[in-house]
Amino acid sequence: MIRHIVMFKFRVAAEGADKARNIQRMKSELEALPAKIGEIKFFEVGINFSNTNVAYDLVLCSEFESKEALQSYQRHPDHMKVVQLVEKVCDGRVVADYVV
């Protein structure tokens, strides 16, 4: 089993919306993916409530049967649409993939 974790830092404003609205939009877009991408075995999206300067705004924790399944998810057209949104509304992200 592969665990895939991504943490996102959002811009103050982007795409005509403020940070809070873009976080909610991203959360909704991500939460729609399990119904569209069969490789996903577990999928959880959370909004950060910590106000520290090292905190990220949104986190995704997901699991896949194999590295190949993760790669298939990453190439999936619906995932790629979310990636395009990330590039517009986020200042940065960090990723960790590991075997569980």
N, C-alpha and C. Protein backbone atom coordinates (compact mmCIF):
# COMPACT_ATOMS: atom_id res chain seq x y z
N MET A 1 0.85 -1.18 0.00
CA MET A 1 0.00 0.00 0.00
C MET A 1 0.90 1.24 0.00
N ILE A 2 0.51 2.24 -0.79
CA ILE A 2 1.25 3.50 -0.90
C ILE A 2 0.42 4.62 -0.29
N ARG A 3 1.02 5.39 0.57
CA ARG A 3 0.35 6.58 1.11
C ARG A 3 0.94 7.81 0.41
N HIS A 4 0.04 8.67 -0.04
CA HIS A 4 0.39 9.89 -0.78
C HIS A 4 -0.17 11.07 0.01
N ILE A 5 0.73 11.94 0.51
CA ILE A 5 0.32 13.10 1.29
C ILE A 5 0.80 14.36 0.58
N VAL A 6 -0.12 15.32 0.44
CA VAL A 6 0.21 16.60 -0.17
C VAL A 6 -0.32 17.71 0.74
N MET A 7 0.52 18.71 0.99
CA MET A 7 0.10 19.88 1.75
C MET A 7 0.22 21.11 0.85
N PHE A 8 -0.80 21.95 0.89
CA PHE A 8 -0.90 23.09 -0.01
C PHE A 8 -0.88 24.40 0.77
N LYS A 9 -0.14 25.39 0.25
CA LYS A 9 -0.17 26.77 0.75
C LYS A 9 -0.84 27.62 -0.33
N PHE A 10 -1.86 28.35 0.07
CA PHE A 10 -2.65 29.13 -0.89
C PHE A 10 -2.21 30.58 -0.93
N ARG A 11 -2.42 31.21 -2.09
CA ARG A 11 -2.20 32.64 -2.24
C ARG A 11 -3.30 33.39 -1.48
N VAL A 12 -3.04 34.61 -1.09
CA VAL A 12 -4.01 35.44 -0.39
C VAL A 12 -5.27 35.62 -1.25
N ALA A 13 -5.06 35.77 -2.56
CA ALA A 13 -6.17 35.88 -3.51
C ALA A 13 -5.68 35.37 -4.87
N ALA A 14 -6.59 34.74 -5.60
CA ALA A 14 -6.27 34.24 -6.94
C ALA A 14 -7.57 33.85 -7.63
N GLU A 15 -7.56 33.93 -8.94
CA GLU A 15 -8.72 33.52 -9.73
C GLU A 15 -10.01 34.24 -9.30
N GLY A 16 -9.87 35.50 -8.89
CA GLY A 16 -11.02 36.30 -8.51
C GLY A 16 -11.65 35.93 -7.18
N ALA A 17 -10.92 35.20 -6.35
CA ALA A 17 -11.47 34.77 -5.06
C ALA A 17 -10.41 34.91 -3.97
N ASP A 18 -10.87 35.03 -2.73
CA ASP A 18 -9.93 35.11 -1.62
C ASP A 18 -9.45 33.71 -1.24
N LYS A 19 -8.49 33.68 -0.34
CA LYS A 19 -7.87 32.43 0.09
C LYS A 19 -8.89 31.43 0.61
N ALA A 20 -9.78 31.85 1.48
CA ALA A 20 -10.76 30.93 2.09
C ALA A 20 -11.65 30.30 1.03
N ARG A 21 -12.08 31.09 0.07
CA ARG A 21 -12.95 30.55 -1.00
C ARG A 21 -12.18 29.56 -1.87
N ASN A 22 -10.93 29.87 -2.16
CA ASN A 22 -10.12 28.95 -2.98
C ASN A 22 -9.81 27.66 -2.24
N ILE A 23 -9.62 27.74 -0.94
CA ILE A 23 -9.41 26.52 -0.15
C ILE A 23 -10.66 25.64 -0.23
N GLN A 24 -11.83 26.23 -0.05
CA GLN A 24 -13.08 25.46 -0.14
C GLN A 24 -13.27 24.87 -1.53
N ARG A 25 -12.95 25.65 -2.55
CA ARG A 25 -13.07 25.16 -3.94
C ARG A 25 -12.15 23.97 -4.16
N MET A 26 -10.91 24.09 -3.72
CA MET A 26 -9.95 23.00 -3.90
C MET A 26 -10.41 21.75 -3.14
N LYS A 27 -10.90 21.94 -1.92
CA LYS A 27 -11.38 20.81 -1.12
C LYS A 27 -12.49 20.09 -1.88
N SER A 28 -13.42 20.82 -2.43
CA SER A 28 -14.53 20.22 -3.18
C SER A 28 -14.04 19.49 -4.42
N GLU A 29 -13.11 20.11 -5.14
CA GLU A 29 -12.57 19.48 -6.35
C GLU A 29 -11.84 18.18 -6.00
N LEU A 30 -11.05 18.21 -4.95
CA LEU A 30 -10.34 17.00 -4.53
C LEU A 30 -11.30 15.91 -4.08
N GLU A 31 -12.29 16.28 -3.27
CA GLU A 31 -13.22 15.28 -2.74
C GLU A 31 -14.07 14.63 -3.82
N ALA A 32 -14.15 15.23 -4.99
CA ALA A 32 -14.89 14.63 -6.10
C ALA A 32 -14.08 13.54 -6.81
N LEU A 33 -12.78 13.49 -6.60
CA LEU A 33 -11.93 12.56 -7.34
C LEU A 33 -12.17 11.07 -7.05
N PRO A 34 -12.42 10.64 -5.82
CA PRO A 34 -12.61 9.20 -5.60
C PRO A 34 -13.75 8.58 -6.41
N ALA A 35 -14.78 9.35 -6.71
CA ALA A 35 -15.89 8.84 -7.52
C ALA A 35 -15.50 8.69 -8.99
N LYS A 36 -14.41 9.34 -9.38
CA LYS A 36 -13.99 9.36 -10.78
C LYS A 36 -12.76 8.51 -11.07
N ILE A 37 -11.97 8.21 -10.02
CA ILE A 37 -10.69 7.53 -10.23
C ILE A 37 -10.65 6.27 -9.36
N GLY A 38 -10.75 5.13 -10.02
CA GLY A 38 -10.85 3.86 -9.32
C GLY A 38 -9.62 3.44 -8.54
N GLU A 39 -8.46 3.97 -8.88
CA GLU A 39 -7.23 3.58 -8.19
C GLU A 39 -7.18 4.06 -6.74
N ILE A 40 -8.00 5.04 -6.41
CA ILE A 40 -7.99 5.59 -5.06
C ILE A 40 -8.62 4.59 -4.09
N LYS A 41 -7.89 4.23 -3.04
CA LYS A 41 -8.39 3.30 -2.01
C LYS A 41 -8.82 4.04 -0.75
N PHE A 42 -8.17 5.17 -0.45
CA PHE A 42 -8.52 6.00 0.69
C PHE A 42 -8.22 7.43 0.31
N PHE A 43 -9.08 8.36 0.74
CA PHE A 43 -8.91 9.75 0.34
C PHE A 43 -9.50 10.64 1.42
N GLU A 44 -8.67 11.51 1.99
CA GLU A 44 -9.12 12.41 3.04
C GLU A 44 -8.52 13.79 2.79
N VAL A 45 -9.37 14.82 2.87
CA VAL A 45 -8.93 16.19 2.65
C VAL A 45 -9.30 16.99 3.90
N GLY A 46 -8.34 17.74 4.44
CA GLY A 46 -8.60 18.53 5.64
C GLY A 46 -8.10 19.95 5.50
N ILE A 47 -8.84 20.87 6.12
CA ILE A 47 -8.46 22.28 6.15
C ILE A 47 -7.76 22.55 7.48
N ASN A 48 -6.60 23.14 7.41
CA ASN A 48 -5.81 23.46 8.60
C ASN A 48 -6.47 24.57 9.41
N PHE A 49 -6.39 24.47 10.74
CA PHE A 49 -6.89 25.53 11.60
C PHE A 49 -5.79 26.21 12.40
N SER A 50 -4.56 25.74 12.28
CA SER A 50 -3.44 26.33 13.00
C SER A 50 -3.03 27.64 12.33
N ASN A 51 -2.70 28.64 13.15
CA ASN A 51 -2.32 29.95 12.62
C ASN A 51 -0.81 30.18 12.61
N THR A 52 -0.01 29.15 12.81
CA THR A 52 1.43 29.34 12.83
C THR A 52 1.94 29.63 11.43
N ASN A 53 3.06 30.33 11.35
CA ASN A 53 3.58 30.71 10.04
C ASN A 53 4.17 29.53 9.26
N VAL A 54 4.37 28.39 9.89
CA VAL A 54 4.90 27.22 9.18
C VAL A 54 3.78 26.28 8.71
N ALA A 55 2.54 26.61 9.07
CA ALA A 55 1.41 25.74 8.72
C ALA A 55 1.03 25.86 7.26
N TYR A 56 0.60 24.76 6.69
CA TYR A 56 0.03 24.76 5.35
C TYR A 56 -1.49 24.87 5.49
N ASP A 57 -2.17 25.20 4.41
CA ASP A 57 -3.60 25.51 4.47
C ASP A 57 -4.52 24.31 4.28
N LEU A 58 -4.11 23.37 3.46
CA LEU A 58 -4.96 22.23 3.11
C LEU A 58 -4.07 21.00 3.00
N VAL A 59 -4.58 19.86 3.43
CA VAL A 59 -3.80 18.62 3.34
C VAL A 59 -4.64 17.53 2.69
N LEU A 60 -4.00 16.74 1.87
CA LEU A 60 -4.60 15.57 1.25
C LEU A 60 -3.83 14.35 1.71
N CYS A 61 -4.54 13.36 2.21
CA CYS A 61 -3.94 12.08 2.57
C CYS A 61 -4.70 11.01 1.78
N SER A 62 -3.98 10.25 0.96
CA SER A 62 -4.63 9.25 0.12
C SER A 62 -3.79 7.98 0.08
N GLU A 63 -4.44 6.88 -0.30
CA GLU A 63 -3.74 5.59 -0.39
C GLU A 63 -4.09 4.89 -1.68
N PHE A 64 -3.09 4.13 -2.16
CA PHE A 64 -3.18 3.40 -3.43
C PHE A 64 -2.54 2.03 -3.24
N GLU A 65 -2.99 1.06 -4.01
CA GLU A 65 -2.48 -0.31 -3.89
C GLU A 65 -1.00 -0.44 -4.24
N SER A 66 -0.52 0.41 -5.16
CA SER A 66 0.84 0.27 -5.65
C SER A 66 1.36 1.60 -6.19
N LYS A 67 2.65 1.65 -6.46
CA LYS A 67 3.23 2.84 -7.09
C LYS A 67 2.60 3.06 -8.46
N GLU A 68 2.32 1.98 -9.17
CA GLU A 68 1.70 2.09 -10.49
C GLU A 68 0.30 2.69 -10.40
N ALA A 69 -0.45 2.31 -9.38
CA ALA A 69 -1.79 2.87 -9.18
C ALA A 69 -1.70 4.36 -8.87
N LEU A 70 -0.72 4.76 -8.06
CA LEU A 70 -0.50 6.18 -7.76
C LEU A 70 -0.17 6.94 -9.05
N GLN A 71 0.70 6.37 -9.86
CA GLN A 71 1.08 7.02 -11.11
C GLN A 71 -0.12 7.15 -12.07
N SER A 72 -0.96 6.14 -12.09
CA SER A 72 -2.16 6.18 -12.92
C SER A 72 -3.09 7.31 -12.45
N TYR A 73 -3.27 7.42 -11.14
CA TYR A 73 -4.05 8.51 -10.55
C TYR A 73 -3.47 9.86 -10.95
N GLN A 74 -2.16 9.99 -10.86
CA GLN A 74 -1.51 11.27 -11.14
C GLN A 74 -1.66 11.68 -12.60
N ARG A 75 -1.79 10.72 -13.50
CA ARG A 75 -1.95 11.01 -14.93
C ARG A 75 -3.42 11.14 -15.34
N HIS A 76 -4.33 10.79 -14.48
CA HIS A 76 -5.75 10.78 -14.81
C HIS A 76 -6.20 12.21 -15.18
N PRO A 77 -7.00 12.37 -16.23
CA PRO A 77 -7.44 13.70 -16.67
C PRO A 77 -8.16 14.51 -15.59
N ASP A 78 -8.95 13.86 -14.75
CA ASP A 78 -9.64 14.60 -13.68
C ASP A 78 -8.67 15.10 -12.62
N HIS A 79 -7.63 14.32 -12.34
CA HIS A 79 -6.59 14.78 -11.42
C HIS A 79 -5.82 15.94 -12.05
N MET A 80 -5.55 15.85 -13.33
CA MET A 80 -4.80 16.91 -14.02
C MET A 80 -5.56 18.24 -13.99
N LYS A 81 -6.89 18.20 -14.00
CA LYS A 81 -7.68 19.43 -13.87
C LYS A 81 -7.45 20.08 -12.51
N VAL A 82 -7.37 19.27 -11.47
CA VAL A 82 -7.10 19.79 -10.13
C VAL A 82 -5.69 20.37 -10.07
N VAL A 83 -4.74 19.71 -10.71
CA VAL A 83 -3.36 20.22 -10.76
C VAL A 83 -3.34 21.60 -11.39
N GLN A 84 -4.11 21.81 -12.43
CA GLN A 84 -4.17 23.14 -13.07
C GLN A 84 -4.70 24.18 -12.10
N LEU A 85 -5.69 23.82 -11.30
CA LEU A 85 -6.21 24.74 -10.29
C LEU A 85 -5.14 25.03 -9.24
N VAL A 86 -4.43 24.02 -8.81
CA VAL A 86 -3.35 24.19 -7.82
C VAL A 86 -2.35 25.22 -8.33
N GLU A 87 -1.97 25.11 -9.58
CA GLU A 87 -0.98 26.03 -10.14
C GLU A 87 -1.47 27.47 -10.14
N LYS A 88 -2.77 27.68 -10.17
CA LYS A 88 -3.33 29.03 -10.19
C LYS A 88 -3.53 29.62 -8.80
N VAL A 89 -3.88 28.80 -7.82
CA VAL A 89 -4.29 29.34 -6.51
C VAL A 89 -3.30 29.09 -5.38
N CYS A 90 -2.29 28.28 -5.62
CA CYS A 90 -1.35 27.93 -4.55
C CYS A 90 0.02 28.57 -4.76
N ASP A 91 0.64 28.95 -3.64
CA ASP A 91 2.01 29.45 -3.65
C ASP A 91 3.01 28.31 -3.60
N GLY A 92 2.60 27.19 -3.03
CA GLY A 92 3.50 26.06 -2.93
C GLY A 92 2.81 24.84 -2.39
N ARG A 93 3.52 23.72 -2.48
CA ARG A 93 3.02 22.45 -1.95
C ARG A 93 4.20 21.57 -1.64
N VAL A 94 3.97 20.64 -0.74
CA VAL A 94 4.97 19.62 -0.42
C VAL A 94 4.28 18.26 -0.53
N VAL A 95 5.07 17.27 -0.91
CA VAL A 95 4.53 15.94 -1.16
C VAL A 95 5.40 14.91 -0.47
N ALA A 96 4.75 13.88 0.05
CA ALA A 96 5.46 12.71 0.58
C ALA A 96 4.71 11.46 0.11
N ASP A 97 5.43 10.53 -0.48
CA ASP A 97 4.89 9.24 -0.89
C ASP A 97 5.71 8.15 -0.20
N TYR A 98 5.02 7.20 0.43
CA TYR A 98 5.77 6.16 1.13
C TYR A 98 4.95 4.88 1.20
N VAL A 99 5.66 3.79 1.45
CA VAL A 99 5.04 2.49 1.57
C VAL A 99 4.51 2.32 2.99
N VAL A 100 3.26 1.85 3.09
CA VAL A 100 2.64 1.62 4.41
C VAL A 100 2.75 0.15 4.74
